[in-house]
Amino acid sequence: MCAHQPSCPRTESRVPHVVAAHPEQGWSLLCDGVIVFDDTGELLPDGRVVTPHRLPAENLAVAA
């Protein structure tokens, strides 16, 4: 059974899923109340912030 509030649809996965997507604004709301941003940052339901997980520039691919 899902422990998320509100309950998730019944699935085999325990991974939170998107309940509201706003790609034009760069964020999505997950079923567990977390807001994830396109830059990989997160805003948790209790107000804590998870900073973006950015790669160092030298690890990025360069188009030729």
Protein backbone atom coordinates (compact mmCIF):
# COMPACT_ATOMS: atom_id res chain seq x y z
CA MET A 1 0.00 0.00 0.00
CA CYS A 2 1.19 3.52 -0.81
CA ALA A 3 2.18 5.68 2.16
CA HIS A 4 1.90 8.92 0.15
CA GLN A 5 -0.84 11.40 0.95
CA PRO A 6 -2.99 11.49 -1.10
CA SER A 7 -2.60 7.84 -2.02
CA CYS A 8 -0.97 6.95 -5.33
CA PRO A 9 -2.72 4.83 -7.92
CA ARG A 10 -1.95 1.16 -7.37
CA THR A 11 1.33 0.20 -9.10
CA GLU A 12 4.25 -2.15 -8.51
CA SER A 13 6.68 0.76 -8.15
CA ARG A 14 7.20 2.67 -4.90
CA VAL A 15 8.80 5.58 -6.78
CA PRO A 16 6.79 8.83 -6.52
CA HIS A 17 5.13 9.81 -9.78
CA VAL A 18 4.24 13.16 -11.34
CA VAL A 19 0.74 14.38 -10.51
CA ALA A 20 1.06 17.87 -12.05
CA ALA A 21 3.59 18.77 -14.74
CA HIS A 22 4.38 22.36 -15.75
CA PRO A 23 7.24 22.06 -18.26
CA GLU A 24 6.63 25.60 -19.51
CA GLN A 25 7.50 26.81 -16.00
CA GLY A 26 10.21 24.21 -15.35
CA TRP A 27 8.70 22.23 -12.46
CA SER A 28 6.58 19.17 -11.60
CA LEU A 29 4.67 18.12 -8.47
CA LEU A 30 5.18 14.53 -7.31
CA CYS A 31 2.58 12.45 -5.48
CA ASP A 32 4.56 12.68 -2.22
CA GLY A 33 4.38 16.49 -2.22
CA VAL A 34 7.91 17.15 -3.53
CA ILE A 35 8.31 19.79 -6.24
CA VAL A 36 11.13 18.97 -8.66
CA PHE A 37 12.66 21.54 -10.98
CA ASP A 38 14.19 21.10 -14.43
CA ASP A 39 17.60 22.15 -13.05
CA THR A 40 17.40 19.06 -10.72
CA GLY A 41 16.67 21.10 -7.60
CA GLU A 42 13.83 20.10 -5.26
CA LEU A 43 11.50 21.73 -2.75
CA LEU A 44 10.41 19.26 -0.05
CA PRO A 45 6.95 19.35 1.59
CA ASP A 46 8.46 20.56 4.89
CA GLY A 47 10.05 23.57 3.13
CA ARG A 48 13.61 22.23 2.93
CA VAL A 49 15.50 22.84 -0.31
CA VAL A 50 17.63 20.30 -2.20
CA THR A 51 20.13 22.18 -4.33
CA PRO A 52 20.55 21.27 -8.01
CA HIS A 53 22.86 18.36 -8.79
CA ARG A 54 24.95 19.99 -11.50
CA LEU A 55 27.85 18.33 -13.28
CA PRO A 56 31.19 20.12 -13.51
CA ALA A 57 31.53 21.90 -16.88
CA GLU A 58 34.43 19.66 -17.95
CA ASN A 59 32.08 16.63 -17.80
CA LEU A 60 29.60 18.13 -20.27
CA ALA A 61 29.62 17.09 -23.93
CA VAL A 62 30.59 19.69 -26.51
CA ALA A 63 28.89 19.82 -29.92
CA ALA A 64 31.37 19.91 -32.80
